[in-house]
Each structure stands twice: as C-alpha cells, then as structure tokens.
Amino acid sequence: MPDYTLQLLIGAGVTLALGILSAVFALSTATMFLLLSQLKNRFINGFIRVYSTVIRGIPEILVIFLTFFGAAVVLTKLFGKYTELSPFFAGVLALGLVFAAYSYEVLRGAFEAIPKGQFEAGHSLGLSGVQSFFHIIFPQLMQRALPGLSNLWLILLKETSLVSVIGLEELMRKSSLAAGVKHDPLFYYCYGALFYLAITAFSEIALKGVTNRVNRHTAPTETETV
C-alpha cells in the first residue's frame, strides 16, 4: 500500500463529512426559501431573488474567503479579541450558502411543474396547507427535483476541494501535502483522484437507490411496459 494512504483516507472522510453537512444545510435553506416564497410577500420574495442571483453570480472560492475572513472580523468585534471560525465550519457554511441558491432554483422549477389543483385536492380532503405540502406536494416535488439535486451533490463533492485554501486538510489538501513530501506529484494527485472517484461511485449507487425508492409508487410508462 502506498505511503500516506491513511492520511488520504482521513482526508476522504473529512471531504465526505464536509459534503454531507453542506448538502443538509443547503437543502434545508432551499426548502425554507421555497416555503417562504409561497407567502407571496414582496420583501421576502425580493430578498430570495437577490440572494439567489448574487450567490450564483460570484465564484464559490470568493464566497469561502468572504465567509471565513468576514466571520473573523465579526467575531473579533463581538469578543474583543481575534476569533475565527474553524476551516471546517466555515466551509460548511460557505458551500451550504452557495448550494442553497442552486438547490432553491431546482426546487422552484420542480414545484412550478406540479399542477396547482393538488393543493385544492388536499384542502378538499380536510388537510391544512402544511399537511397538504408534506403529504401531497413534497413527494411529487422530490420526484421532479431529484435528478437536478443529484447533479448538484456530485458538483458539491468536487467543490469541497476549494475549502483547502483556508487550511482545511480534506482530500485535496492531503494529496497536495503527500505530493510535496514525497516529491511525486503525479502519483499522489492520481492517487487522490481515485479516492474522489470512489466517493462519486458510491454516491451514484446511493442516489440510484434513493431515486428508486422515491419513484416506487410511480406508474410505469408505456415504454417501460412494452
């Protein structure tokens, strides 16, 4: 087994944890934005539009820098001495904010594809607005949004490597350190790439399982029944 394998495994674990926590934060924020947008409040809808436009318009690495160094300025003023976020937490926050904007656009597109009569059907069954959303709308929303969200997850996994610029020793950083110490960059960057491919392959298997589960009650199409 090549040297630094254990270090790269640790880095892969950090990358996976960073990706999962960022995705949870992003999806929670995007779902909250989607629910808030249904209030038809001009101020709230304007804020969500501006947020989505601004965040999607600037590079992810700039959001990481702004989050890490901006939080240090705020925390230092609050506590009266130099304080900064840990690189891991800053990475989760920055990537979560970025992918919340993209996830919101995916969820919004999927939501608008659902016939409006679905809400009326829920009301006719005596369900409240919240109950209609989670029991009727949400399953259909996931069916439509899952392909787009799956692509975002794979992109997010690769974007976690950007967090190495603020000192987080994730997989990319570990590969770079090993390449420098062993003076063999080609081998260790290729070795690191294998870890990324393994995570991606596992993710695709897991996402396929989730997709099959979400679509398990969907009627087969004519093509599938031939």
Foldseek 3Di string as FASTA:
>chain_A
DDPLPVVLVVLLVLLVVLLVLLLVLLLVLLVVLVVVVVVVDPVSVVVLVVLLVVLQVDDLLVLLVCQFVVQQVVVCVVVVHGDTDDLSVSSSVSSSSNSSSVLNVLLVVQQVPDDPCLQVVCVVVVHDSVCSCVVPVVLSSCLRRLVVSLVVSLVSSVCSLSSCVVPDSHNNNSLVVVCVVVVNNVVSVVVSVVSSVVVNVVSVVVSVVVNCVSCVPPDDDPVVVD
